[in-house]
Amino acid sequence: MARLKRLGELERAVMDHLWDIGGPQTVRQVRDGLCTQRELAYTTVMTVLHRLAYKDLVIQIREDRAYQYMPTHNRDELVAGLMVDVLDQVTDRGGRRAALMQFVERVGVDEANALRHALAEVGDDSMGHDIRHRHRVPGERRYVESHEFLSGR
């Protein structure tokens, strides 16, 4: 996963819409889905989708004369990538440990239990392995023809 930056409010709303739908969407479909919450110009949504494609967070699928957009990662993978990127900004090992301790102290009981469960589940399987790349999306292309997408190429 490419180095990620925080998503803006509208980028998050677009990604949430795409994840909730679970399939490719045109700019108009995304705009119509978001307009239940606020009024947005077609060109605004198109610009956001182009920026998300540039960031490799969505792929463009050519369907006739229009593009459809689909997330390259699921919500969990994106959040995990953001968390790892933030942790990677701390250069010294002691600082990383302190950052992790601060994180654990700030999460609620349910999140702490989920973290314990996840660590136990991963267990020895990840010893010495970089688990960030376990769910990589193959390829670097952001744009595909619809027949390529449907055939799995």
C-alpha atoms as a PDB file:
ATOM      1  CA  MET A   1       0.000   0.000   0.000  1.00  0.00           C
ATOM      2  CA  ALA A   2       1.357   3.365  -0.941  1.00  0.00           C
ATOM      3  CA  ARG A   3       2.130   5.827   1.791  1.00  0.00           C
ATOM      4  CA  LEU A   4      -1.234   7.212   2.841  1.00  0.00           C
ATOM      5  CA  LYS A   5      -2.228  10.612   4.052  1.00  0.00           C
ATOM      6  CA  ARG A   6      -5.229  11.528   6.095  1.00  0.00           C
ATOM      7  CA  LEU A   7      -8.386  11.791   4.101  1.00  0.00           C
ATOM      8  CA  GLY A   8     -10.356  15.005   4.046  1.00  0.00           C
ATOM      9  CA  GLU A   9     -13.993  15.056   5.116  1.00  0.00           C
ATOM     10  CA  LEU A  10     -15.368  14.801   1.568  1.00  0.00           C
ATOM     11  CA  GLU A  11     -12.823  12.134   0.571  1.00  0.00           C
ATOM     12  CA  ARG A  12     -13.928  10.098   3.599  1.00  0.00           C
ATOM     13  CA  ALA A  13     -17.590  10.543   2.665  1.00  0.00           C
ATOM     14  CA  VAL A  14     -16.898   9.367  -0.898  1.00  0.00           C
ATOM     15  CA  MET A  15     -14.909   6.357   0.315  1.00  0.00           C
ATOM     16  CA  ASP A  16     -17.629   5.482   2.844  1.00  0.00           C
ATOM     17  CA  HIS A  17     -20.223   5.627   0.067  1.00  0.00           C
ATOM     18  CA  LEU A  18     -18.154   3.368  -2.209  1.00  0.00           C
ATOM     19  CA  TRP A  19     -17.541   0.859   0.590  1.00  0.00           C
ATOM     20  CA  ASP A  20     -21.215   0.842   1.566  1.00  0.00           C
ATOM     21  CA  ILE A  21     -22.331   0.234  -2.043  1.00  0.00           C
ATOM     22  CA  GLY A  22     -19.746  -2.505  -2.562  1.00  0.00           C
ATOM     23  CA  GLY A  23     -19.472  -2.148  -6.336  1.00  0.00           C
ATOM     24  CA  PRO A  24     -18.331   0.249  -9.044  1.00  0.00           C
ATOM     25  CA  GLN A  25     -20.069   3.647  -9.153  1.00  0.00           C
ATOM     26  CA  THR A  26     -20.089   6.491 -11.674  1.00  0.00           C
ATOM     27  CA  VAL A  27     -19.477  10.077 -10.588  1.00  0.00           C
ATOM     28  CA  ARG A  28     -23.213  10.751 -10.901  1.00  0.00           C
ATOM     29  CA  GLN A  29     -24.095   7.734  -8.735  1.00  0.00           C
ATOM     30  CA  VAL A  30     -21.626   8.812  -6.044  1.00  0.00           C
ATOM     31  CA  ARG A  31     -22.930  12.390  -6.198  1.00  0.00           C
ATOM     32  CA  ASP A  32     -26.552  11.231  -5.955  1.00  0.00           C
ATOM     33  CA  GLY A  33     -25.669   9.007  -2.991  1.00  0.00           C
ATOM     34  CA  LEU A  34     -23.927  11.860  -1.179  1.00  0.00           C
ATOM     35  CA  CYS A  35     -26.571  14.487  -1.983  1.00  0.00           C
ATOM     36  CA  THR A  36     -28.891  12.960   0.606  1.00  0.00           C
ATOM     37  CA  GLN A  37     -26.505  14.443   3.189  1.00  0.00           C
ATOM     38  CA  ARG A  38     -25.463  17.698   1.423  1.00  0.00           C
ATOM     39  CA  GLU A  39     -25.665  19.401  -1.959  1.00  0.00           C
ATOM     40  CA  LEU A  40     -22.565  18.816  -4.090  1.00  0.00           C
ATOM     41  CA  ALA A  41     -21.626  19.829  -7.615  1.00  0.00           C
ATOM     42  CA  TYR A  42     -20.919  17.046 -10.096  1.00  0.00           C
ATOM     43  CA  THR A  43     -17.467  18.525 -10.776  1.00  0.00           C
ATOM     44  CA  THR A  44     -16.634  18.551  -7.058  1.00  0.00           C
ATOM     45  CA  VAL A  45     -17.326  14.824  -6.759  1.00  0.00           C
ATOM     46  CA  MET A  46     -15.423  14.169  -9.997  1.00  0.00           C
ATOM     47  CA  THR A  47     -12.388  16.060  -8.648  1.00  0.00           C
ATOM     48  CA  VAL A  48     -12.476  14.113  -5.376  1.00  0.00           C
ATOM     49  CA  LEU A  49     -12.668  10.793  -7.255  1.00  0.00           C
ATOM     50  CA  HIS A  50      -9.746  11.812  -9.492  1.00  0.00           C
ATOM     51  CA  ARG A  51      -7.683  12.700  -6.420  1.00  0.00           C
ATOM     52  CA  LEU A  52      -8.566   9.384  -4.775  1.00  0.00           C
ATOM     53  CA  ALA A  53      -7.509   7.598  -7.981  1.00  0.00           C
ATOM     54  CA  TYR A  54      -4.225   9.539  -7.973  1.00  0.00           C
ATOM     55  CA  LYS A  55      -3.676   8.388  -4.372  1.00  0.00           C
ATOM     56  CA  ASP A  56      -4.358   4.777  -5.490  1.00  0.00           C
ATOM     57  CA  LEU A  57      -7.364   4.546  -3.190  1.00  0.00           C
ATOM     58  CA  VAL A  58      -9.825   3.914  -6.031  1.00  0.00           C
ATOM     59  CA  ILE A  59      -9.488   2.456  -9.503  1.00  0.00           C
ATOM     60  CA  GLN A  60     -11.133   3.891 -12.588  1.00  0.00           C
ATOM     61  CA  ILE A  61     -13.037   1.346 -14.657  1.00  0.00           C
ATOM     62  CA  ARG A  62     -13.892   2.481 -18.179  1.00  0.00           C
ATOM     63  CA  GLU A  63     -17.492   1.583 -19.023  1.00  0.00           C
ATOM     64  CA  ASP A  64     -18.469   2.872 -22.490  1.00  0.00           C
ATOM     65  CA  ARG A  65     -17.937   6.640 -22.293  1.00  0.00           C
ATOM     66  CA  ALA A  66     -18.016   6.940 -18.519  1.00  0.00           C
ATOM     67  CA  TYR A  67     -15.718   5.905 -15.719  1.00  0.00           C
ATOM     68  CA  GLN A  68     -16.807   3.909 -12.733  1.00  0.00           C
ATOM     69  CA  TYR A  69     -14.845   4.028  -9.499  1.00  0.00           C
ATOM     70  CA  MET A  70     -14.198   1.302  -6.973  1.00  0.00           C
ATOM     71  CA  PRO A  71     -12.005   1.212  -3.825  1.00  0.00           C
ATOM     72  CA  THR A  72      -8.669  -0.568  -4.145  1.00  0.00           C
ATOM     73  CA  HIS A  73      -8.711  -1.501  -0.446  1.00  0.00           C
ATOM     74  CA  ASN A  74     -11.462  -2.333   1.988  1.00  0.00           C
ATOM     75  CA  ARG A  75     -12.121  -0.026   4.933  1.00  0.00           C
ATOM     76  CA  ASP A  76     -10.153  -2.159   7.428  1.00  0.00           C
ATOM     77  CA  GLU A  77      -7.078  -2.305   5.197  1.00  0.00           C
ATOM     78  CA  LEU A  78      -7.116   1.454   4.700  1.00  0.00           C
ATOM     79  CA  VAL A  79      -7.428   2.199   8.420  1.00  0.00           C
ATOM     80  CA  ALA A  80      -4.657  -0.286   9.235  1.00  0.00           C
ATOM     81  CA  GLY A  81      -2.446   1.310   6.572  1.00  0.00           C
ATOM     82  CA  LEU A  82      -3.042   4.768   8.022  1.00  0.00           C
ATOM     83  CA  MET A  83      -2.182   3.550  11.524  1.00  0.00           C
ATOM     84  CA  VAL A  84       1.041   1.902  10.332  1.00  0.00           C
ATOM     85  CA  ASP A  85       2.027   5.002   8.344  1.00  0.00           C
ATOM     86  CA  VAL A  86       1.607   7.182  11.436  1.00  0.00           C
ATOM     87  CA  LEU A  87       3.692   4.751  13.482  1.00  0.00           C
ATOM     88  CA  ASP A  88       6.364   4.705  10.762  1.00  0.00           C
ATOM     89  CA  GLN A  89       6.826   8.462  11.221  1.00  0.00           C
ATOM     90  CA  VAL A  90       8.426   7.759  14.609  1.00  0.00           C
ATOM     91  CA  THR A  91      12.038   6.957  13.816  1.00  0.00           C
ATOM     92  CA  ASP A  92      13.488   5.632  17.070  1.00  0.00           C
ATOM     93  CA  ARG A  93      12.375   2.341  18.607  1.00  0.00           C
ATOM     94  CA  GLY A  94      11.742   3.850  22.058  1.00  0.00           C
ATOM     95  CA  GLY A  95       9.511   6.494  20.511  1.00  0.00           C
ATOM     96  CA  ARG A  96       7.523   3.845  18.663  1.00  0.00           C
ATOM     97  CA  ARG A  97       6.986   1.946  21.896  1.00  0.00           C
ATOM     98  CA  ALA A  98       5.880   5.140  23.660  1.00  0.00           C
ATOM     99  CA  ALA A  99       3.490   5.954  20.800  1.00  0.00           C
ATOM    100  CA  LEU A 100       1.983   2.463  21.012  1.00  0.00           C
ATOM    101  CA  MET A 101       1.585   2.814  24.778  1.00  0.00           C
ATOM    102  CA  GLN A 102      -0.201   6.163  24.328  1.00  0.00           C
ATOM    103  CA  PHE A 103      -2.478   4.588  21.735  1.00  0.00           C
ATOM    104  CA  VAL A 104      -3.385   1.666  24.005  1.00  0.00           C
ATOM    105  CA  GLU A 105      -4.058   4.029  26.920  1.00  0.00           C
ATOM    106  CA  ARG A 106      -6.426   6.143  24.811  1.00  0.00           C
ATOM    107  CA  VAL A 107      -8.591   3.408  23.302  1.00  0.00           C
ATOM    108  CA  GLY A 108     -11.630   2.110  25.106  1.00  0.00           C
ATOM    109  CA  VAL A 109     -11.961  -1.243  26.840  1.00  0.00           C
ATOM    110  CA  ASP A 110     -13.646  -2.849  23.822  1.00  0.00           C
ATOM    111  CA  GLU A 111     -10.907  -1.685  21.452  1.00  0.00           C
ATOM    112  CA  ALA A 112      -8.180  -2.827  23.859  1.00  0.00           C
ATOM    113  CA  ASN A 113      -9.793  -6.274  24.063  1.00  0.00           C
ATOM    114  CA  ALA A 114     -10.074  -6.407  20.273  1.00  0.00           C
ATOM    115  CA  LEU A 115      -6.383  -5.499  20.013  1.00  0.00           C
ATOM    116  CA  ARG A 116      -5.418  -8.242  22.490  1.00  0.00           C
ATOM    117  CA  HIS A 117      -7.509 -10.731  20.522  1.00  0.00           C
ATOM    118  CA  ALA A 118      -5.929  -9.658  17.218  1.00  0.00           C
ATOM    119  CA  LEU A 119      -2.411  -9.969  18.652  1.00  0.00           C
ATOM    120  CA  ALA A 120      -3.203 -13.441  19.986  1.00  0.00           C
ATOM    121  CA  GLU A 121      -4.756 -14.434  16.665  1.00  0.00           C
ATOM    122  CA  VAL A 122      -1.734 -13.313  14.671  1.00  0.00           C
ATOM    123  CA  GLY A 123       0.599 -14.954  17.200  1.00  0.00           C
ATOM    124  CA  ASP A 124       3.683 -16.671  15.854  1.00  0.00           C
ATOM    125  CA  ASP A 125       2.367 -16.455  12.300  1.00  0.00           C
ATOM    126  CA  SER A 126       3.749 -12.931  11.881  1.00  0.00           C
ATOM    127  CA  MET A 127       7.037 -13.278  13.767  1.00  0.00           C
ATOM    128  CA  GLY A 128       9.645 -11.651  11.585  1.00  0.00           C
ATOM    129  CA  HIS A 129       7.160 -10.845   8.808  1.00  0.00           C
ATOM    130  CA  ASP A 130       5.873  -7.461   7.769  1.00  0.00           C
ATOM    131  CA  ILE A 131       2.118  -7.945   8.079  1.00  0.00           C
ATOM    132  CA  ARG A 132       1.414  -4.624   6.329  1.00  0.00           C
ATOM    133  CA  HIS A 133       1.822  -6.358   2.978  1.00  0.00           C
ATOM    134  CA  ARG A 134      -0.411  -9.328   3.686  1.00  0.00           C
ATOM    135  CA  HIS A 135      -3.376  -7.780   1.852  1.00  0.00           C
ATOM    136  CA  ARG A 136      -1.644  -5.865  -0.936  1.00  0.00           C
ATOM    137  CA  VAL A 137      -3.634  -5.126  -4.040  1.00  0.00           C
ATOM    138  CA  PRO A 138      -1.699  -6.439  -7.049  1.00  0.00           C
ATOM    139  CA  GLY A 139      -0.578  -4.005  -9.708  1.00  0.00           C
ATOM    140  CA  GLU A 140      -0.194  -0.279  -9.815  1.00  0.00           C
ATOM    141  CA  ARG A 141      -2.855   0.535 -12.407  1.00  0.00           C
ATOM    142  CA  ARG A 142      -5.561   2.984 -11.440  1.00  0.00           C
ATOM    143  CA  TYR A 143      -7.444   2.716 -14.744  1.00  0.00           C
ATOM    144  CA  VAL A 144      -8.775  -0.420 -16.411  1.00  0.00           C
ATOM    145  CA  GLU A 145     -11.224  -1.191 -19.194  1.00  0.00           C
ATOM    146  CA  SER A 146     -14.439  -2.767 -17.917  1.00  0.00           C
ATOM    147  CA  HIS A 147     -13.823  -6.025 -19.815  1.00  0.00           C
ATOM    148  CA  GLU A 148     -10.389  -6.325 -18.160  1.00  0.00           C
ATOM    149  CA  PHE A 149     -11.909  -5.723 -14.732  1.00  0.00           C
ATOM    150  CA  LEU A 150     -14.664  -8.276 -15.261  1.00  0.00           C
ATOM    151  CA  SER A 151     -12.276 -10.911 -16.634  1.00  0.00           C
ATOM    152  CA  GLY A 152      -9.893 -10.466 -13.678  1.00  0.00           C
ATOM    153  CA  ARG A 153      -6.855  -9.357 -15.694  1.00  0.00           C
END
